[in-house]
Amino acid sequence: MFYTTRRQRPPAVLRCTLCGRELLLGEEYWACSGSRVCAGCLPELARQELAPCREIYGEERTL
């Protein structure tokens, strides 16, 4: 009797939405609002996501 092994298909390439860099297997990334972001781009993602909360001291918005 012969057994065959199924070859595993390599995972699809995953890229950072902001910089386009390929994410490597085992590398952490953040998935937020449809974006996948590498550690290097995390500060930029935070700025984008928190932009509606941004205030300038002395120029605060009044409700």
N, C-alpha and C. Protein backbone atom coordinates (compact mmCIF):
# COMPACT_ATOMS: atom_id res chain seq x y z
N MET A 1 0.84 -1.16 0.00
CA MET A 1 0.00 0.00 0.00
C MET A 1 0.90 1.24 0.00
N PHE A 2 0.56 2.21 -0.82
CA PHE A 2 1.34 3.45 -0.94
C PHE A 2 0.57 4.59 -0.32
N TYR A 3 1.27 5.36 0.42
CA TYR A 3 0.68 6.56 1.02
C TYR A 3 1.28 7.79 0.35
N THR A 4 0.45 8.69 0.05
CA THR A 4 0.95 9.95 -0.50
C THR A 4 0.70 11.06 0.52
N THR A 5 1.58 11.97 0.54
CA THR A 5 1.39 13.11 1.45
C THR A 5 0.97 14.30 0.61
N ARG A 6 0.07 15.04 1.16
CA ARG A 6 -0.36 16.25 0.48
C ARG A 6 0.65 17.34 0.74
N ARG A 7 1.04 17.99 -0.29
CA ARG A 7 1.96 19.11 -0.12
C ARG A 7 1.18 20.30 0.38
N GLN A 8 1.73 20.92 1.40
CA GLN A 8 1.08 22.12 1.91
C GLN A 8 1.40 23.27 0.97
N ARG A 9 0.38 24.01 0.66
CA ARG A 9 0.55 25.18 -0.19
C ARG A 9 1.20 26.27 0.66
N PRO A 10 2.19 26.94 0.12
CA PRO A 10 2.80 28.03 0.91
C PRO A 10 1.75 29.11 1.17
N PRO A 11 1.83 29.74 2.32
CA PRO A 11 0.83 30.78 2.63
C PRO A 11 0.94 31.94 1.65
N ALA A 12 -0.17 32.60 1.43
CA ALA A 12 -0.17 33.77 0.55
C ALA A 12 0.72 34.85 1.15
N VAL A 13 1.28 35.66 0.31
CA VAL A 13 2.12 36.76 0.78
C VAL A 13 1.23 37.78 1.49
N LEU A 14 1.64 38.17 2.66
CA LEU A 14 0.90 39.15 3.45
C LEU A 14 1.77 40.40 3.52
N ARG A 15 1.18 41.55 3.21
CA ARG A 15 1.95 42.80 3.18
C ARG A 15 1.33 43.84 4.10
N CYS A 16 2.18 44.70 4.61
CA CYS A 16 1.74 45.83 5.42
C CYS A 16 0.96 46.77 4.50
N THR A 17 -0.20 47.16 4.92
CA THR A 17 -1.04 48.05 4.12
C THR A 17 -0.41 49.43 3.96
N LEU A 18 0.33 49.89 4.95
CA LEU A 18 0.88 51.24 4.90
C LEU A 18 2.19 51.32 4.10
N CYS A 19 3.14 50.43 4.36
CA CYS A 19 4.44 50.53 3.69
C CYS A 19 4.63 49.50 2.58
N GLY A 20 3.80 48.47 2.55
CA GLY A 20 3.90 47.46 1.50
C GLY A 20 4.93 46.37 1.75
N ARG A 21 5.63 46.44 2.88
CA ARG A 21 6.64 45.43 3.20
C ARG A 21 5.98 44.08 3.44
N GLU A 22 6.62 43.02 2.98
CA GLU A 22 6.11 41.67 3.20
C GLU A 22 6.26 41.29 4.67
N LEU A 23 5.18 40.75 5.23
CA LEU A 23 5.22 40.26 6.61
C LEU A 23 5.69 38.82 6.57
N LEU A 24 6.62 38.47 7.43
CA LEU A 24 7.21 37.14 7.45
C LEU A 24 6.44 36.22 8.39
N LEU A 25 6.52 34.93 8.13
CA LEU A 25 5.87 33.96 9.01
C LEU A 25 6.38 34.13 10.42
N GLY A 26 5.49 34.18 11.39
CA GLY A 26 5.85 34.33 12.79
C GLY A 26 6.01 35.78 13.23
N GLU A 27 5.94 36.72 12.30
CA GLU A 27 6.09 38.14 12.64
C GLU A 27 4.75 38.69 13.11
N GLU A 28 4.78 39.52 14.14
CA GLU A 28 3.53 40.11 14.62
C GLU A 28 3.13 41.27 13.72
N TYR A 29 1.82 41.47 13.63
CA TYR A 29 1.28 42.62 12.91
C TYR A 29 -0.05 42.97 13.54
N TRP A 30 -0.57 44.13 13.20
CA TRP A 30 -1.83 44.61 13.77
C TRP A 30 -2.86 44.69 12.65
N ALA A 31 -4.04 44.13 12.91
CA ALA A 31 -5.15 44.19 11.96
C ALA A 31 -6.19 45.12 12.55
N CYS A 32 -6.43 46.23 11.85
CA CYS A 32 -7.33 47.25 12.39
C CYS A 32 -8.04 47.94 11.23
N SER A 33 -9.34 47.99 11.27
CA SER A 33 -10.14 48.69 10.26
C SER A 33 -9.80 48.26 8.84
N GLY A 34 -9.58 46.97 8.65
CA GLY A 34 -9.28 46.46 7.32
C GLY A 34 -7.83 46.58 6.90
N SER A 35 -6.98 47.10 7.74
CA SER A 35 -5.56 47.25 7.43
C SER A 35 -4.75 46.20 8.18
N ARG A 36 -3.63 45.80 7.60
CA ARG A 36 -2.66 44.95 8.28
C ARG A 36 -1.39 45.77 8.35
N VAL A 37 -0.88 45.99 9.55
CA VAL A 37 0.20 46.94 9.74
C VAL A 37 1.36 46.31 10.50
N CYS A 38 2.58 46.51 9.99
CA CYS A 38 3.78 45.99 10.64
C CYS A 38 4.13 46.85 11.85
N ALA A 39 5.06 46.36 12.66
CA ALA A 39 5.46 47.08 13.87
C ALA A 39 6.04 48.46 13.54
N GLY A 40 6.75 48.57 12.45
CA GLY A 40 7.34 49.84 12.07
C GLY A 40 6.32 50.92 11.73
N CYS A 41 5.16 50.49 11.24
CA CYS A 41 4.11 51.44 10.84
C CYS A 41 3.05 51.63 11.92
N LEU A 42 3.18 50.96 13.04
CA LEU A 42 2.18 51.06 14.10
C LEU A 42 1.96 52.50 14.57
N PRO A 43 3.01 53.31 14.78
CA PRO A 43 2.76 54.70 15.20
C PRO A 43 1.92 55.48 14.18
N GLU A 44 2.16 55.26 12.89
CA GLU A 44 1.38 55.95 11.86
C GLU A 44 -0.07 55.49 11.88
N LEU A 45 -0.30 54.19 12.07
CA LEU A 45 -1.68 53.68 12.18
C LEU A 45 -2.38 54.33 13.36
N ALA A 46 -1.68 54.44 14.49
CA ALA A 46 -2.27 55.06 15.68
C ALA A 46 -2.64 56.51 15.39
N ARG A 47 -1.76 57.23 14.70
CA ARG A 47 -2.07 58.63 14.35
C ARG A 47 -3.31 58.71 13.48
N GLN A 48 -3.42 57.83 12.50
CA GLN A 48 -4.57 57.84 11.60
C GLN A 48 -5.86 57.50 12.34
N GLU A 49 -5.80 56.46 13.15
CA GLU A 49 -7.00 56.00 13.85
C GLU A 49 -7.46 56.99 14.92
N LEU A 50 -6.51 57.67 15.53
CA LEU A 50 -6.84 58.60 16.61
C LEU A 50 -6.97 60.05 16.14
N ALA A 51 -6.86 60.30 14.85
CA ALA A 51 -6.95 61.66 14.31
C ALA A 51 -8.22 62.39 14.75
N PRO A 52 -9.38 61.74 14.82
CA PRO A 52 -10.58 62.46 15.26
C PRO A 52 -10.49 62.93 16.72
N CYS A 53 -9.61 62.35 17.50
CA CYS A 53 -9.46 62.71 18.91
C CYS A 53 -8.39 63.78 19.13
N ARG A 54 -7.72 64.18 18.08
CA ARG A 54 -6.59 65.11 18.17
C ARG A 54 -7.06 66.50 18.60
N GLU A 55 -6.33 67.07 19.53
CA GLU A 55 -6.60 68.43 20.01
C GLU A 55 -5.28 69.19 20.04
N ILE A 56 -5.35 70.49 19.99
CA ILE A 56 -4.18 71.35 20.16
C ILE A 56 -4.46 72.21 21.38
N TYR A 57 -3.53 72.19 22.31
CA TYR A 57 -3.70 72.92 23.57
C TYR A 57 -3.91 74.40 23.26
N GLY A 58 -4.99 74.94 23.78
CA GLY A 58 -5.33 76.33 23.54
C GLY A 58 -6.29 76.52 22.39
N GLU A 59 -6.46 75.47 21.58
CA GLU A 59 -7.37 75.53 20.44
C GLU A 59 -8.42 74.40 20.51
N GLU A 60 -8.74 73.97 21.71
CA GLU A 60 -9.67 72.85 21.87
C GLU A 60 -11.02 73.18 21.25
N ARG A 61 -11.62 72.15 20.72
CA ARG A 61 -12.97 72.30 20.16
C ARG A 61 -13.97 72.34 21.28
N THR A 62 -14.94 73.18 21.16
CA THR A 62 -16.01 73.20 22.17
C THR A 62 -17.23 72.52 21.59
N LEU A 63 -17.92 71.81 22.44
CA LEU A 63 -19.11 71.08 21.98
C LEU A 63 -20.35 71.92 22.16
